[in-house]
Amino acid sequence: MRTPISSDAKCVSLRQHGSLNPHPERVKDALFQTHPFFDPRDLGQVKYEMLRRVLVDGQPVGVTAVTFGFSRVTLYQLRKRFETEGLAGLLPQPKGPRRASKLSE
């Protein structure tokens, strides 16, 4: 099994783009543990594979969410964003308010 966080080039790139999974150790899916293509540090890949398991393979939401280190609520939110925005909905969303809230006209 690989180390959860390292300083290799992929890790650095994922961190720069906001796609580094802060908790790769929570991903318990067998593919992410054994196959070198599946990287638990890649948050976009983890989210996509989690949604694919539910939408394509028909696996239960609760079990799938726990296996991939997320809550059911998060999985439902990702599913909604994926249905409206496609793959872009899986990318990290900017944090904080979208506009100023205390300014008057």
N, C-alpha and C. Protein backbone atom coordinates (compact mmCIF):
# COMPACT_ATOMS: atom_id res chain seq x y z
N MET A 1 0.84 -1.19 0.00
CA MET A 1 0.00 0.00 0.00
C MET A 1 0.88 1.24 0.00
N ARG A 2 0.47 2.29 -0.71
CA ARG A 2 1.28 3.50 -0.79
C ARG A 2 1.09 4.40 0.43
N THR A 3 2.03 5.33 0.54
CA THR A 3 1.90 6.31 1.63
C THR A 3 0.81 7.29 1.26
N PRO A 4 -0.01 7.73 2.22
CA PRO A 4 -1.14 8.60 1.93
C PRO A 4 -0.75 9.95 1.33
N ILE A 5 0.23 10.60 1.89
CA ILE A 5 0.64 11.91 1.40
C ILE A 5 2.14 11.87 1.15
N SER A 6 2.54 12.31 -0.02
CA SER A 6 3.97 12.39 -0.31
C SER A 6 4.24 13.67 -1.07
N SER A 7 5.47 13.87 -1.43
CA SER A 7 5.83 15.11 -2.11
C SER A 7 6.21 14.86 -3.56
N ASP A 8 5.65 13.81 -4.19
CA ASP A 8 5.96 13.57 -5.59
C ASP A 8 5.28 14.62 -6.47
N ALA A 9 5.59 14.61 -7.75
CA ALA A 9 5.09 15.63 -8.67
C ALA A 9 3.57 15.64 -8.76
N LYS A 10 2.96 14.46 -8.76
CA LYS A 10 1.49 14.40 -8.85
C LYS A 10 0.86 15.02 -7.60
N CYS A 11 1.41 14.73 -6.46
CA CYS A 11 0.89 15.28 -5.21
C CYS A 11 0.98 16.81 -5.21
N VAL A 12 2.10 17.33 -5.68
CA VAL A 12 2.30 18.77 -5.75
C VAL A 12 1.28 19.40 -6.71
N SER A 13 1.07 18.77 -7.85
CA SER A 13 0.12 19.28 -8.83
C SER A 13 -1.32 19.24 -8.28
N LEU A 14 -1.68 18.14 -7.65
CA LEU A 14 -3.02 18.05 -7.06
C LEU A 14 -3.23 19.13 -6.01
N ARG A 15 -2.23 19.37 -5.20
CA ARG A 15 -2.33 20.42 -4.17
C ARG A 15 -2.50 21.79 -4.81
N GLN A 16 -1.75 22.08 -5.86
CA GLN A 16 -1.83 23.38 -6.54
C GLN A 16 -3.21 23.62 -7.14
N HIS A 17 -3.86 22.56 -7.59
CA HIS A 17 -5.16 22.69 -8.24
C HIS A 17 -6.33 22.47 -7.28
N GLY A 18 -6.04 22.30 -6.01
CA GLY A 18 -7.09 22.11 -5.02
C GLY A 18 -7.76 20.75 -5.08
N SER A 19 -7.11 19.77 -5.70
CA SER A 19 -7.69 18.44 -5.87
C SER A 19 -7.01 17.37 -5.04
N LEU A 20 -6.22 17.76 -4.07
CA LEU A 20 -5.57 16.79 -3.21
C LEU A 20 -6.54 16.37 -2.12
N ASN A 21 -6.81 15.10 -2.04
CA ASN A 21 -7.73 14.57 -1.04
C ASN A 21 -7.09 14.73 0.34
N PRO A 22 -7.75 15.47 1.25
CA PRO A 22 -7.14 15.68 2.57
C PRO A 22 -7.14 14.42 3.42
N HIS A 23 -7.96 13.42 3.06
CA HIS A 23 -8.04 12.19 3.83
C HIS A 23 -8.01 10.95 2.93
N PRO A 24 -6.90 10.71 2.23
CA PRO A 24 -6.84 9.54 1.36
C PRO A 24 -6.93 8.22 2.12
N GLU A 25 -6.59 8.25 3.40
CA GLU A 25 -6.66 7.03 4.20
C GLU A 25 -8.10 6.55 4.42
N ARG A 26 -9.08 7.41 4.20
CA ARG A 26 -10.49 7.03 4.37
C ARG A 26 -11.04 6.25 3.19
N VAL A 27 -10.33 6.28 2.05
CA VAL A 27 -10.79 5.56 0.86
C VAL A 27 -10.44 4.09 1.03
N LYS A 28 -11.47 3.27 1.24
CA LYS A 28 -11.27 1.84 1.52
C LYS A 28 -11.64 0.95 0.34
N ASP A 29 -11.99 1.54 -0.80
CA ASP A 29 -12.37 0.76 -1.97
C ASP A 29 -11.19 -0.09 -2.44
N ALA A 30 -11.48 -1.32 -2.83
CA ALA A 30 -10.43 -2.28 -3.21
C ALA A 30 -9.58 -1.78 -4.38
N LEU A 31 -10.21 -1.16 -5.38
CA LEU A 31 -9.44 -0.68 -6.54
C LEU A 31 -8.40 0.35 -6.12
N PHE A 32 -8.76 1.23 -5.21
CA PHE A 32 -7.83 2.27 -4.77
C PHE A 32 -6.73 1.71 -3.87
N GLN A 33 -6.93 0.52 -3.35
CA GLN A 33 -5.92 -0.10 -2.50
C GLN A 33 -4.94 -0.96 -3.29
N THR A 34 -5.39 -1.49 -4.44
CA THR A 34 -4.57 -2.47 -5.15
C THR A 34 -4.10 -2.03 -6.54
N HIS A 35 -4.88 -1.28 -7.27
CA HIS A 35 -4.55 -0.92 -8.65
C HIS A 35 -3.80 0.41 -8.69
N PRO A 36 -2.64 0.47 -9.34
CA PRO A 36 -1.85 1.71 -9.34
C PRO A 36 -2.50 2.88 -10.08
N PHE A 37 -3.44 2.61 -10.99
CA PHE A 37 -4.10 3.70 -11.71
C PHE A 37 -4.98 4.52 -10.77
N PHE A 38 -5.63 3.87 -9.83
CA PHE A 38 -6.54 4.54 -8.92
C PHE A 38 -5.77 5.09 -7.73
N ASP A 39 -5.80 6.41 -7.59
CA ASP A 39 -5.02 7.10 -6.57
C ASP A 39 -5.95 7.74 -5.55
N PRO A 40 -5.94 7.31 -4.30
CA PRO A 40 -6.83 7.89 -3.31
C PRO A 40 -6.52 9.35 -2.98
N ARG A 41 -5.36 9.84 -3.41
CA ARG A 41 -5.02 11.25 -3.20
C ARG A 41 -5.72 12.16 -4.20
N ASP A 42 -6.18 11.61 -5.33
CA ASP A 42 -6.81 12.39 -6.40
C ASP A 42 -8.31 12.50 -6.11
N LEU A 43 -8.71 13.64 -5.57
CA LEU A 43 -10.08 13.84 -5.13
C LEU A 43 -11.08 13.74 -6.28
N GLY A 44 -10.73 14.25 -7.44
CA GLY A 44 -11.62 14.16 -8.60
C GLY A 44 -11.86 12.71 -9.02
N GLN A 45 -10.82 11.92 -9.02
CA GLN A 45 -10.94 10.51 -9.38
C GLN A 45 -11.77 9.74 -8.35
N VAL A 46 -11.56 10.04 -7.08
CA VAL A 46 -12.32 9.37 -6.03
C VAL A 46 -13.80 9.72 -6.15
N LYS A 47 -14.12 10.99 -6.36
CA LYS A 47 -15.52 11.40 -6.49
C LYS A 47 -16.18 10.76 -7.71
N TYR A 48 -15.47 10.77 -8.83
CA TYR A 48 -16.02 10.19 -10.05
C TYR A 48 -16.31 8.70 -9.88
N GLU A 49 -15.35 7.98 -9.33
CA GLU A 49 -15.52 6.53 -9.16
C GLU A 49 -16.64 6.24 -8.16
N MET A 50 -16.76 7.06 -7.14
CA MET A 50 -17.83 6.88 -6.17
C MET A 50 -19.20 7.06 -6.84
N LEU A 51 -19.35 8.09 -7.63
CA LEU A 51 -20.61 8.32 -8.36
C LEU A 51 -20.88 7.20 -9.36
N ARG A 52 -19.84 6.75 -10.03
CA ARG A 52 -20.01 5.68 -11.01
C ARG A 52 -20.53 4.41 -10.34
N ARG A 53 -20.03 4.13 -9.16
CA ARG A 53 -20.48 2.93 -8.44
C ARG A 53 -21.98 3.00 -8.15
N VAL A 54 -22.46 4.19 -7.83
CA VAL A 54 -23.89 4.34 -7.51
C VAL A 54 -24.72 4.39 -8.79
N LEU A 55 -24.33 5.22 -9.74
CA LEU A 55 -25.14 5.45 -10.94
C LEU A 55 -25.08 4.31 -11.95
N VAL A 56 -23.93 3.71 -12.14
CA VAL A 56 -23.76 2.67 -13.15
C VAL A 56 -23.88 1.27 -12.55
N ASP A 57 -23.17 1.04 -11.45
CA ASP A 57 -23.17 -0.30 -10.85
C ASP A 57 -24.38 -0.54 -9.95
N GLY A 58 -25.08 0.54 -9.56
CA GLY A 58 -26.28 0.40 -8.73
C GLY A 58 -26.00 0.03 -7.29
N GLN A 59 -24.82 0.36 -6.80
CA GLN A 59 -24.51 0.04 -5.41
C GLN A 59 -25.23 1.01 -4.47
N PRO A 60 -25.54 0.58 -3.25
CA PRO A 60 -26.24 1.44 -2.29
C PRO A 60 -25.43 2.68 -1.93
N VAL A 61 -26.13 3.80 -1.78
CA VAL A 61 -25.48 5.08 -1.51
C VAL A 61 -24.73 5.06 -0.19
N GLY A 62 -25.35 4.57 0.87
CA GLY A 62 -24.72 4.58 2.19
C GLY A 62 -23.43 3.80 2.24
N VAL A 63 -23.44 2.60 1.72
CA VAL A 63 -22.25 1.74 1.72
C VAL A 63 -21.15 2.36 0.86
N THR A 64 -21.53 2.85 -0.30
CA THR A 64 -20.56 3.43 -1.23
C THR A 64 -19.91 4.68 -0.63
N ALA A 65 -20.72 5.54 -0.01
CA ALA A 65 -20.18 6.76 0.59
C ALA A 65 -19.14 6.43 1.66
N VAL A 66 -19.44 5.48 2.53
CA VAL A 66 -18.50 5.10 3.58
C VAL A 66 -17.23 4.48 2.99
N THR A 67 -17.39 3.65 1.97
CA THR A 67 -16.24 3.00 1.33
C THR A 67 -15.28 4.02 0.73
N PHE A 68 -15.83 5.15 0.25
CA PHE A 68 -14.99 6.17 -0.38
C PHE A 68 -14.63 7.32 0.57
N GLY A 69 -15.05 7.23 1.82
CA GLY A 69 -14.66 8.22 2.82
C GLY A 69 -15.49 9.48 2.82
N PHE A 70 -16.74 9.41 2.36
CA PHE A 70 -17.63 10.57 2.33
C PHE A 70 -18.91 10.25 3.09
N SER A 71 -19.71 11.27 3.33
CA SER A 71 -21.03 11.06 3.93
C SER A 71 -22.06 10.88 2.81
N ARG A 72 -23.22 10.33 3.16
CA ARG A 72 -24.30 10.19 2.18
C ARG A 72 -24.74 11.55 1.66
N VAL A 73 -24.80 12.54 2.55
CA VAL A 73 -25.21 13.89 2.15
C VAL A 73 -24.26 14.43 1.09
N THR A 74 -22.97 14.27 1.30
CA THR A 74 -21.99 14.74 0.32
C THR A 74 -22.16 14.03 -1.01
N LEU A 75 -22.42 12.72 -0.97
CA LEU A 75 -22.61 11.97 -2.21
C LEU A 75 -23.83 12.49 -2.96
N TYR A 76 -24.93 12.75 -2.25
CA TYR A 76 -26.12 13.30 -2.91
C TYR A 76 -25.85 14.68 -3.50
N GLN A 77 -25.10 15.51 -2.79
CA GLN A 77 -24.75 16.84 -3.31
C GLN A 77 -23.89 16.72 -4.57
N LEU A 78 -22.91 15.80 -4.55
CA LEU A 78 -22.06 15.59 -5.72
C LEU A 78 -22.89 15.09 -6.90
N ARG A 79 -23.82 14.21 -6.63
CA ARG A 79 -24.68 13.67 -7.69
C ARG A 79 -25.49 14.78 -8.35
N LYS A 80 -26.05 15.66 -7.54
CA LYS A 80 -26.83 16.78 -8.08
C LYS A 80 -25.96 17.70 -8.92
N ARG A 81 -24.77 18.04 -8.41
CA ARG A 81 -23.86 18.90 -9.18
C ARG A 81 -23.41 18.22 -10.46
N PHE A 82 -23.16 16.91 -10.40
CA PHE A 82 -22.74 16.17 -11.59
C PHE A 82 -23.85 16.16 -12.64
N GLU A 83 -25.09 16.01 -12.20
CA GLU A 83 -26.21 15.98 -13.14
C GLU A 83 -26.44 17.34 -13.80
N THR A 84 -26.16 18.43 -13.10
CA THR A 84 -26.37 19.76 -13.67
C THR A 84 -25.14 20.31 -14.39
N GLU A 85 -23.94 19.99 -13.89
CA GLU A 85 -22.73 20.59 -14.43
C GLU A 85 -21.80 19.60 -15.14
N GLY A 86 -22.08 18.32 -15.04
CA GLY A 86 -21.19 17.31 -15.63
C GLY A 86 -19.93 17.16 -14.81
N LEU A 87 -18.84 16.79 -15.46
CA LEU A 87 -17.58 16.56 -14.75
C LEU A 87 -17.09 17.81 -14.02
N ALA A 88 -17.41 18.98 -14.52
CA ALA A 88 -16.99 20.22 -13.87
C ALA A 88 -17.57 20.33 -12.46
N GLY A 89 -18.71 19.70 -12.24
CA GLY A 89 -19.33 19.71 -10.92
C GLY A 89 -18.54 18.94 -9.87
N LEU A 90 -17.62 18.09 -10.31
CA LEU A 90 -16.80 17.32 -9.37
C LEU A 90 -15.53 18.06 -8.97
N LEU A 91 -15.22 19.13 -9.70
CA LEU A 91 -14.02 19.90 -9.39
C LEU A 91 -14.22 20.70 -8.11
N PRO A 92 -13.15 21.05 -7.43
CA PRO A 92 -13.28 21.83 -6.20
C PRO A 92 -14.03 23.13 -6.44
N GLN A 93 -14.94 23.44 -5.53
CA GLN A 93 -15.73 24.66 -5.61
C GLN A 93 -15.07 25.74 -4.77
N PRO A 94 -15.08 27.00 -5.24
CA PRO A 94 -14.50 28.08 -4.43
C PRO A 94 -15.25 28.21 -3.11
N LYS A 95 -14.52 28.43 -2.05
CA LYS A 95 -15.13 28.56 -0.74
C LYS A 95 -15.46 30.03 -0.47
N GLY A 96 -16.40 30.26 0.40
CA GLY A 96 -16.74 31.61 0.80
C GLY A 96 -17.91 32.17 0.02
N PRO A 97 -18.30 33.40 0.35
CA PRO A 97 -19.45 34.02 -0.30
C PRO A 97 -19.18 34.33 -1.77
N ARG A 98 -20.22 34.32 -2.56
CA ARG A 98 -20.11 34.61 -4.00
C ARG A 98 -20.04 36.10 -4.28
N ARG A 99 -20.59 36.89 -3.37
CA ARG A 99 -20.58 38.36 -3.55
C ARG A 99 -20.61 39.01 -2.18
N ALA A 100 -20.42 40.30 -2.15
CA ALA A 100 -20.48 41.04 -0.89
C ALA A 100 -21.90 41.01 -0.36
N SER A 101 -22.04 40.87 0.94
CA SER A 101 -23.39 40.77 1.50
C SER A 101 -23.78 41.99 2.33
N LYS A 102 -22.85 42.88 2.64
CA LYS A 102 -23.17 44.00 3.52
C LYS A 102 -23.15 45.34 2.78
N LEU A 103 -22.91 45.32 1.50
CA LEU A 103 -22.87 46.58 0.77
C LEU A 103 -24.26 46.95 0.27
N SER A 104 -24.58 48.20 0.39
CA SER A 104 -25.88 48.68 -0.12
C SER A 104 -25.65 49.32 -1.48
N GLU A 105 -26.73 49.58 -2.19
CA GLU A 105 -26.64 50.21 -3.50
C GLU A 105 -26.06 51.60 -3.34
